[in-house]
Amino acid sequence: MERYRIRPDTAVYFVTYSVVEWLPVFVSEVACRIVTDSLEYCRQHKGLHTNAFVIMPTHMHAIFFDRDFDSSRLVQSLADFRKFTGRSLSDFCSSQMPRCFAETLRSAATADRARRFWQPSRHPEAIETEKFWRQKLDYLHENPCRKGLVARAQYWRFSSAAYYVSDGQQECDVKIAGLDWS
């Protein structure tokens, strides 16, 4: 059982979703768009708000909350997001990536599924203070820099960093929902 869980008394969470065996699926714009399009769908139809995100080649980080700060609906929205993107990205790997990707996803299967895309843990960390939010925001935005992929965080294509650096003037692929810490 996962040690980290979304609790009823906290509404904002930092989460990490990692691809099984750290497969570099998100080197493809198509794969990244599956994620961003799904986040937009979840915003419009499920009340899932994205405060920040970054999609790395093998994983993604995000800060999420429910539009009404309803943690039980947040749990369901994130489960739906994982399930839909897991299926869609598995299909993408089967049709667009080297055969070894699909084989790896099948080898990660469990009794209840024929393949697995995401590693089982999402490691949700409750964000209850502005200071901790800022740490997580900086961590996720700086991830491409720490990995040597870009010189500045705002240069990474699938990230909210440019949005934050421009004070919301530069749009990104996911509609960013702000948090008021006052």
Protein backbone atom coordinates (compact mmCIF):
# COMPACT_ATOMS: atom_id res chain seq x y z
CA MET A 1 0.00 0.00 0.00
CA GLU A 2 1.23 3.45 -0.93
CA ARG A 3 2.46 5.45 2.04
CA TYR A 4 1.55 8.79 0.51
CA ARG A 5 -2.16 9.38 -0.02
CA ILE A 6 -4.49 12.22 -0.78
CA ARG A 7 -6.18 13.13 2.49
CA PRO A 8 -9.57 14.76 3.03
CA ASP A 9 -8.03 17.66 4.97
CA THR A 10 -5.64 18.87 2.24
CA ALA A 11 -6.62 20.11 -1.22
CA VAL A 12 -3.39 20.87 -3.15
CA TYR A 13 -0.91 18.16 -4.14
CA PHE A 14 2.42 17.71 -5.86
CA VAL A 15 2.41 14.43 -7.80
CA THR A 16 4.89 12.48 -9.87
CA TYR A 17 3.92 9.97 -12.56
CA SER A 18 6.76 7.84 -13.92
CA VAL A 19 6.72 5.54 -16.93
CA VAL A 20 7.42 1.88 -16.15
CA GLU A 21 11.11 1.03 -16.46
CA TRP A 22 11.69 4.74 -17.08
CA LEU A 23 10.99 4.36 -20.80
CA PRO A 24 11.63 7.69 -22.60
CA VAL A 25 8.17 7.95 -24.14
CA PHE A 26 7.89 11.72 -23.82
CA VAL A 27 10.56 12.43 -26.42
CA SER A 28 7.61 12.55 -28.81
CA GLU A 29 5.38 15.62 -29.04
CA VAL A 30 2.44 13.32 -29.76
CA ALA A 31 2.92 11.53 -26.42
CA CYS A 32 3.18 14.86 -24.57
CA ARG A 33 0.00 16.09 -26.24
CA ILE A 34 -1.88 13.02 -25.02
CA VAL A 35 -1.07 14.21 -21.50
CA THR A 36 -1.79 17.91 -22.06
CA ASP A 37 -5.03 17.23 -23.95
CA SER A 38 -6.17 14.93 -21.16
CA LEU A 39 -5.38 17.58 -18.55
CA GLU A 40 -7.48 20.07 -20.50
CA TYR A 41 -10.35 17.58 -20.71
CA CYS A 42 -10.10 16.95 -16.97
CA ARG A 43 -10.16 20.70 -16.33
CA GLN A 44 -13.28 21.22 -18.42
CA HIS A 45 -15.22 18.11 -17.36
CA LYS A 46 -13.87 17.00 -13.97
CA GLY A 47 -12.82 20.20 -12.21
CA LEU A 48 -9.11 19.25 -12.13
CA HIS A 49 -6.91 22.33 -11.95
CA THR A 50 -3.24 22.31 -12.89
CA ASN A 51 -1.19 24.85 -11.00
CA ALA A 52 2.15 23.81 -12.54
CA PHE A 53 3.56 20.94 -14.57
CA VAL A 54 6.56 19.61 -16.43
CA ILE A 55 6.70 16.60 -18.74
CA MET A 56 10.16 15.04 -18.78
CA PRO A 57 11.22 12.23 -21.16
CA THR A 58 10.45 9.50 -18.58
CA HIS A 59 8.07 11.10 -16.10
CA MET A 60 6.00 14.12 -15.22
CA HIS A 61 5.53 16.31 -12.17
CA ALA A 62 2.52 18.50 -11.46
CA ILE A 63 0.75 20.48 -8.80
CA PHE A 64 -2.99 19.75 -8.88
CA PHE A 65 -6.11 20.74 -7.01
CA ASP A 66 -9.84 20.40 -7.48
CA ARG A 67 -11.74 23.56 -8.54
CA ASP A 68 -13.80 23.36 -5.31
CA PHE A 69 -10.87 22.04 -3.23
CA ASP A 70 -12.77 18.72 -2.96
CA SER A 71 -10.08 16.14 -2.20
CA SER A 72 -12.34 13.13 -2.87
CA ARG A 73 -13.15 14.43 -6.36
CA LEU A 74 -9.44 15.15 -6.83
CA VAL A 75 -8.69 11.48 -6.11
CA GLN A 76 -11.23 10.38 -8.73
CA SER A 77 -10.08 12.91 -11.32
CA LEU A 78 -6.45 11.84 -10.97
CA ALA A 79 -7.43 8.16 -11.17
CA ASP A 80 -9.38 8.86 -14.37
CA PHE A 81 -6.46 10.86 -15.77
CA ARG A 82 -3.99 8.04 -15.05
CA LYS A 83 -6.27 5.37 -16.47
CA PHE A 84 -7.05 7.26 -19.69
CA THR A 85 -3.48 8.42 -20.35
CA GLY A 86 -2.11 4.99 -19.44
CA ARG A 87 -4.29 3.31 -22.06
CA SER A 88 -3.72 6.01 -24.68
CA LEU A 89 0.03 6.13 -24.16
CA SER A 90 0.26 2.32 -24.20
CA ASP A 91 -1.56 2.34 -27.54
CA PHE A 92 0.79 5.05 -28.76
CA CYS A 93 3.82 2.99 -27.75
CA SER A 94 2.44 -0.07 -29.52
CA SER A 95 1.93 1.80 -32.77
CA GLN A 96 4.63 4.51 -32.81
CA MET A 97 7.58 3.49 -30.64
CA PRO A 98 10.13 0.68 -31.03
CA ARG A 99 8.69 -2.78 -30.37
CA CYS A 100 10.66 -3.11 -27.15
CA PHE A 101 8.51 -0.35 -25.59
CA ALA A 102 5.27 -2.32 -26.06
CA GLU A 103 7.03 -5.47 -24.84
CA THR A 104 8.19 -3.66 -21.70
CA LEU A 105 4.65 -2.41 -21.00
CA ARG A 106 3.30 -5.95 -21.43
CA SER A 107 5.98 -7.37 -19.14
CA ALA A 108 4.90 -4.89 -16.45
CA ALA A 109 1.31 -6.18 -16.60
CA THR A 110 -0.52 -7.33 -13.51
CA ALA A 111 -3.43 -9.69 -13.01
CA ASP A 112 -5.95 -6.94 -13.69
CA ARG A 113 -4.39 -5.57 -16.90
CA ALA A 114 -2.61 -6.71 -20.03
CA ARG A 115 -0.03 -3.93 -19.83
CA ARG A 116 1.01 -1.13 -17.51
CA PHE A 117 2.20 2.32 -18.60
CA TRP A 118 2.59 4.26 -15.34
CA GLN A 119 4.54 2.97 -12.36
CA PRO A 120 2.08 2.19 -9.53
CA SER A 121 3.00 5.09 -7.24
CA ARG A 122 2.01 8.70 -7.85
CA HIS A 123 3.63 9.82 -4.58
CA PRO A 124 1.21 12.67 -3.77
CA GLU A 125 2.69 15.23 -1.40
CA ALA A 126 0.28 17.57 0.35
CA ILE A 127 1.05 21.25 -0.12
CA GLU A 128 -0.14 23.23 2.86
CA THR A 129 2.13 26.28 2.89
CA GLU A 130 3.27 28.82 0.35
CA LYS A 131 6.89 28.02 1.19
CA PHE A 132 6.47 24.31 0.40
CA TRP A 133 4.49 25.19 -2.76
CA ARG A 134 7.35 27.41 -3.92
CA GLN A 135 9.88 24.61 -3.28
CA LYS A 136 7.83 22.16 -5.37
CA LEU A 137 7.17 24.74 -8.08
CA ASP A 138 10.88 25.52 -8.40
CA TYR A 139 11.79 21.83 -8.25
CA LEU A 140 9.52 20.82 -11.10
CA HIS A 141 10.38 23.82 -13.28
CA GLU A 142 14.12 23.36 -12.79
CA ASN A 143 14.00 19.62 -13.54
CA PRO A 144 14.93 20.01 -17.26
CA CYS A 145 17.87 22.23 -16.28
CA ARG A 146 19.13 19.79 -13.64
CA LYS A 147 19.04 17.04 -16.29
CA GLY A 148 21.02 19.18 -18.74
CA LEU A 149 18.19 19.37 -21.27
CA VAL A 150 17.91 23.18 -21.40
CA ALA A 151 19.87 26.14 -20.07
CA ARG A 152 16.77 27.88 -18.68
CA ALA A 153 13.57 26.35 -17.37
CA GLN A 154 11.34 28.48 -19.58
CA TYR A 155 12.92 26.94 -22.69
CA TRP A 156 11.47 23.49 -21.94
CA ARG A 157 8.50 22.98 -24.29
CA PHE A 158 6.11 20.98 -22.08
CA SER A 159 6.25 22.95 -18.86
CA SER A 160 4.52 25.82 -17.12
CA ALA A 161 7.87 27.54 -16.44
CA ALA A 162 7.52 30.09 -19.27
CA TYR A 163 4.04 30.94 -18.02
CA TYR A 164 5.40 31.70 -14.54
CA VAL A 165 8.50 33.56 -15.76
CA SER A 166 6.29 35.80 -17.94
CA ASP A 167 3.78 36.43 -15.13
CA GLY A 168 1.11 34.61 -17.10
CA GLN A 169 1.71 36.45 -20.36
CA GLN A 170 3.03 33.40 -22.20
CA GLU A 171 0.48 30.65 -22.60
CA CYS A 172 1.34 27.00 -22.33
CA ASP A 173 -0.33 23.77 -23.41
CA VAL A 174 -2.23 23.44 -20.15
CA LYS A 175 -4.40 26.18 -18.66
CA ILE A 176 -2.69 27.14 -15.43
CA ALA A 177 -4.85 27.80 -12.38
CA GLY A 178 -3.39 30.10 -9.77
CA LEU A 179 -3.41 29.72 -6.01
CA ASP A 180 -3.99 32.60 -3.63
CA TRP A 181 -1.90 32.08 -0.50
CA SER A 182 -3.11 35.22 1.28
